[in-house]
Amino acid sequence: MAVIKLALAKGRLQEEAIKVLMKRGLDCQCLLEKNRKLIFDIPNSCLQIILLKAVDVPTYVEHGVVDMGIVGKDVVLEQEKQLYEVADLGFGKCRISVAGKPELMNYNKKHLRVATKYPNITKQYFAEKGQSVEIIKQEGSVELAPIMGLSDVIVDIVETGNTLRDNGLVILEEIMSISARLVSNKVSIKTKKDKMNEIIYLIANDIG
């Protein structure tokens, strides 16, 4: 039996994906156990699940180390890897937004300093607007950048907005809504067609 390797982005999306798989009748009890395992064989199925950091999922899929992955649309857009986006799974919904201090509402600056974990998405968005920007790549708490004077605004994922509010920031513009996506390796979708389609249908059919 052909094994289909499915990578899950660790964290909140992992938890939501496991709920979907269990709803579809798969025995995912092994994924709920408290341990440090990263590879799991799902009983009575062809599915093997690998847990990865979200930023690593597209790389593993592109190189064919795994056949499929579940990861946020933000990661797919930012990394621009060679893979197929198979389905919008509908969970993990949030927004990529421009945020800053309230006094920058309706800002009209010729040049903006923008701190972000998403330089590619940010560059494309402001280029389409014709806005001159200096992009400052961040890895940690990006909300600190405008507070400490490192940047004018930030571009980041916003789910509830609580972190922004707690730090005196507001959403200035919404760039796009995002959610979890099912992605596939370009070779696997052909060489393992039947099993891949079976898993795609299982995961993505009638999401909601």
Protein backbone atom coordinates (compact mmCIF):
# COMPACT_ATOMS: atom_id res chain seq x y z
CA MET A 1 0.00 0.00 0.00
CA ALA A 2 1.34 3.43 -0.97
CA VAL A 3 1.96 5.60 2.05
CA ILE A 4 0.79 9.21 1.86
CA LYS A 5 2.89 11.51 4.03
CA LEU A 6 0.96 14.51 5.31
CA ALA A 7 2.74 17.37 7.10
CA LEU A 8 0.83 19.41 9.66
CA ALA A 9 1.91 22.86 10.79
CA LYS A 10 2.42 22.56 14.54
CA GLY A 11 0.23 24.60 16.86
CA ARG A 12 -3.28 25.89 16.34
CA LEU A 13 -3.62 24.59 12.76
CA GLN A 14 -2.41 21.17 13.89
CA GLU A 15 -5.19 21.00 16.48
CA GLU A 16 -7.84 22.03 13.95
CA ALA A 17 -6.52 19.59 11.33
CA ILE A 18 -6.62 16.71 13.82
CA LYS A 19 -10.26 17.54 14.60
CA VAL A 20 -11.07 17.35 10.89
CA LEU A 21 -9.27 14.01 10.48
CA MET A 22 -11.02 12.53 13.49
CA LYS A 23 -14.36 13.81 12.21
CA ARG A 24 -13.61 11.88 9.02
CA GLY A 25 -13.24 8.66 11.02
CA LEU A 26 -9.44 8.44 11.24
CA ASP A 27 -7.93 7.17 14.49
CA CYS A 28 -5.70 10.10 15.51
CA GLN A 29 -5.39 9.18 19.17
CA CYS A 30 -1.62 8.84 18.80
CA LEU A 31 -1.46 12.53 17.90
CA LEU A 32 -3.16 13.51 21.14
CA GLU A 33 -0.65 11.79 23.39
CA LYS A 34 1.74 14.04 25.30
CA ASN A 35 5.16 13.21 23.89
CA ARG A 36 7.80 14.63 21.55
CA LYS A 37 7.19 12.32 18.60
CA LEU A 38 7.06 13.99 15.21
CA ILE A 39 6.08 11.08 12.90
CA PHE A 40 2.86 9.11 13.33
CA ASP A 41 1.38 6.20 11.42
CA ILE A 42 -2.41 6.44 11.43
CA PRO A 43 -3.95 3.00 12.12
CA ASN A 44 -5.99 1.32 9.36
CA SER A 45 -5.05 3.91 6.76
CA CYS A 46 -2.34 4.78 4.25
CA LEU A 47 -1.65 8.04 6.08
CA GLN A 48 1.54 8.98 7.88
CA ILE A 49 1.51 12.37 9.62
CA ILE A 50 4.61 14.48 10.19
CA LEU A 51 4.60 17.51 12.49
CA LEU A 52 6.63 20.49 11.30
CA LYS A 53 7.01 24.16 12.02
CA ALA A 54 4.68 26.06 9.69
CA VAL A 55 7.53 27.73 7.82
CA ASP A 56 9.02 24.31 6.97
CA VAL A 57 5.87 22.71 5.55
CA PRO A 58 6.11 24.19 2.01
CA THR A 59 9.80 23.23 1.76
CA TYR A 60 9.11 19.59 2.66
CA VAL A 61 6.20 19.49 0.21
CA GLU A 62 8.14 21.12 -2.62
CA HIS A 63 11.03 18.66 -2.27
CA GLY A 64 8.71 15.65 -2.08
CA VAL A 65 9.85 14.63 1.40
CA VAL A 66 6.15 14.69 2.21
CA ASP A 67 3.32 14.34 -0.30
CA MET A 68 0.94 16.90 1.19
CA GLY A 69 0.75 19.54 3.86
CA ILE A 70 -1.71 21.63 5.82
CA VAL A 71 -0.44 25.16 6.40
CA GLY A 72 -1.67 28.75 6.48
CA LYS A 73 -2.19 30.68 3.26
CA ASP A 74 0.18 33.35 4.61
CA VAL A 75 3.06 30.87 4.59
CA VAL A 76 2.17 29.68 1.08
CA LEU A 77 2.12 33.25 -0.26
CA GLU A 78 5.26 34.36 1.53
CA GLN A 79 7.42 31.44 0.45
CA GLU A 80 6.26 31.06 -3.17
CA LYS A 81 7.33 27.40 -3.34
CA GLN A 82 6.67 25.11 -6.29
CA LEU A 83 3.62 23.16 -5.14
CA TYR A 84 -0.10 22.83 -5.78
CA GLU A 85 -2.65 24.51 -3.56
CA VAL A 86 -5.37 21.88 -3.51
CA ALA A 87 -8.07 23.24 -1.18
CA ASP A 88 -9.06 26.00 1.18
CA LEU A 89 -9.88 24.10 4.38
CA GLY A 90 -11.78 27.00 5.93
CA PHE A 91 -10.31 26.85 9.43
CA GLY A 92 -7.54 28.94 10.99
CA LYS A 93 -9.14 32.11 9.66
CA CYS A 94 -7.40 35.41 10.32
CA ARG A 95 -6.24 38.52 8.47
CA ILE A 96 -2.98 39.97 7.26
CA SER A 97 -3.21 43.64 8.18
CA VAL A 98 -1.28 46.88 8.33
CA ALA A 99 -1.30 48.16 11.91
CA GLY A 100 0.16 51.09 13.79
CA LYS A 101 -0.58 53.86 16.25
CA PRO A 102 -4.08 55.42 16.03
CA GLU A 103 -2.68 58.77 14.90
CA LEU A 104 -1.55 57.12 11.67
CA MET A 105 -5.14 56.37 10.66
CA ASN A 106 -5.59 57.58 7.06
CA TYR A 107 -1.83 58.05 6.86
CA ASN A 108 -0.39 59.80 3.83
CA LYS A 109 3.37 59.53 4.15
CA LYS A 110 5.59 59.48 1.09
CA HIS A 111 7.82 56.82 2.63
CA LEU A 112 6.94 54.25 5.28
CA ARG A 113 9.12 52.05 7.42
CA VAL A 114 7.33 48.70 7.75
CA ALA A 115 8.31 45.97 10.20
CA THR A 116 7.05 42.49 9.33
CA LYS A 117 7.60 38.74 9.34
CA TYR A 118 6.22 38.75 5.78
CA PRO A 119 8.56 40.81 3.56
CA ASN A 120 7.38 39.33 0.25
CA ILE A 121 3.67 39.86 0.95
CA THR A 122 4.42 43.34 2.27
CA LYS A 123 6.57 44.34 -0.69
CA GLN A 124 3.95 43.21 -3.20
CA TYR A 125 1.07 44.92 -1.37
CA PHE A 126 2.72 48.33 -1.11
CA ALA A 127 4.15 48.09 -4.64
CA GLU A 128 0.62 47.62 -5.99
CA LYS A 129 -0.41 50.76 -4.07
CA GLY A 130 2.56 52.72 -5.37
CA GLN A 131 3.72 53.35 -1.79
CA SER A 132 7.44 53.75 -1.11
CA VAL A 133 8.51 51.56 1.82
CA GLU A 134 11.54 50.36 3.72
CA ILE A 135 10.85 46.80 4.88
CA ILE A 136 12.40 45.76 8.18
CA LYS A 137 12.37 41.97 8.65
CA GLN A 138 11.32 40.87 12.13
CA GLU A 139 11.11 37.47 13.81
CA GLY A 140 9.84 38.24 17.30
CA SER A 141 7.08 40.47 18.67
CA VAL A 142 6.60 42.73 15.68
CA GLU A 143 4.20 44.94 17.68
CA LEU A 144 7.21 46.46 19.45
CA ALA A 145 8.57 48.04 16.27
CA PRO A 146 6.22 51.07 16.03
CA ILE A 147 6.11 51.45 19.82
CA MET A 148 9.91 51.66 20.04
CA GLY A 149 10.27 53.79 16.91
CA LEU A 150 11.84 51.13 14.70
CA SER A 151 9.03 51.42 12.15
CA ASP A 152 6.00 53.52 11.29
CA VAL A 153 3.69 50.51 10.86
CA ILE A 154 3.71 46.74 10.89
CA VAL A 155 2.27 44.06 8.64
CA ASP A 156 1.22 41.01 10.60
CA ILE A 157 -1.37 38.30 11.18
CA VAL A 158 -4.37 39.50 13.18
CA GLU A 159 -6.83 37.03 14.66
CA THR A 160 -8.65 38.72 17.54
CA GLY A 161 -6.79 42.04 17.61
CA ASN A 162 -6.22 41.72 21.36
CA THR A 163 -2.42 41.95 21.11
CA LEU A 164 -2.69 45.12 19.05
CA ARG A 165 -5.13 46.72 21.49
CA ASP A 166 -3.04 45.74 24.51
CA ASN A 167 -0.10 47.56 22.93
CA GLY A 168 -1.98 50.66 21.82
CA LEU A 169 -2.08 49.77 18.13
CA VAL A 170 -4.97 49.63 15.66
CA ILE A 171 -5.60 48.07 12.26
CA LEU A 172 -4.99 50.69 9.57
CA GLU A 173 -5.64 48.52 6.52
CA GLU A 174 -6.64 44.93 5.88
CA ILE A 175 -4.52 43.28 3.19
CA MET A 176 -6.29 39.93 2.92
CA SER A 177 -8.15 37.19 4.75
CA ILE A 178 -6.32 33.88 5.08
CA SER A 179 -7.04 30.34 6.27
CA ALA A 180 -5.53 26.86 6.29
CA ARG A 181 -4.73 25.35 2.89
CA LEU A 182 -4.12 21.80 1.75
CA VAL A 183 -1.04 21.76 -0.50
CA SER A 184 0.47 18.98 -2.58
CA ASN A 185 3.77 17.99 -4.11
CA LYS A 186 3.61 18.31 -7.90
CA VAL A 187 5.03 14.84 -8.54
CA SER A 188 3.09 12.98 -5.84
CA ILE A 189 -0.24 14.20 -7.17
CA LYS A 190 0.53 12.30 -10.39
CA THR A 191 2.50 9.25 -9.24
CA LYS A 192 0.19 8.51 -6.29
CA LYS A 193 -2.93 9.82 -7.97
CA ASP A 194 -5.54 7.43 -6.58
CA LYS A 195 -4.39 7.52 -2.96
CA MET A 196 -3.77 11.26 -3.08
CA ASN A 197 -7.26 11.91 -4.42
CA GLU A 198 -8.67 9.66 -1.72
CA ILE A 199 -6.96 11.69 1.01
CA ILE A 200 -7.84 15.02 -0.62
CA TYR A 201 -11.50 14.02 -0.77
CA LEU A 202 -11.38 12.77 2.81
CA ILE A 203 -9.89 15.99 4.17
CA ALA A 204 -11.39 18.66 1.96
CA ASN A 205 -14.88 17.36 1.11
CA ASP A 206 -17.69 19.24 2.81
CA ILE A 207 -15.40 21.23 5.12
CA GLY A 208 -17.38 23.16 7.69
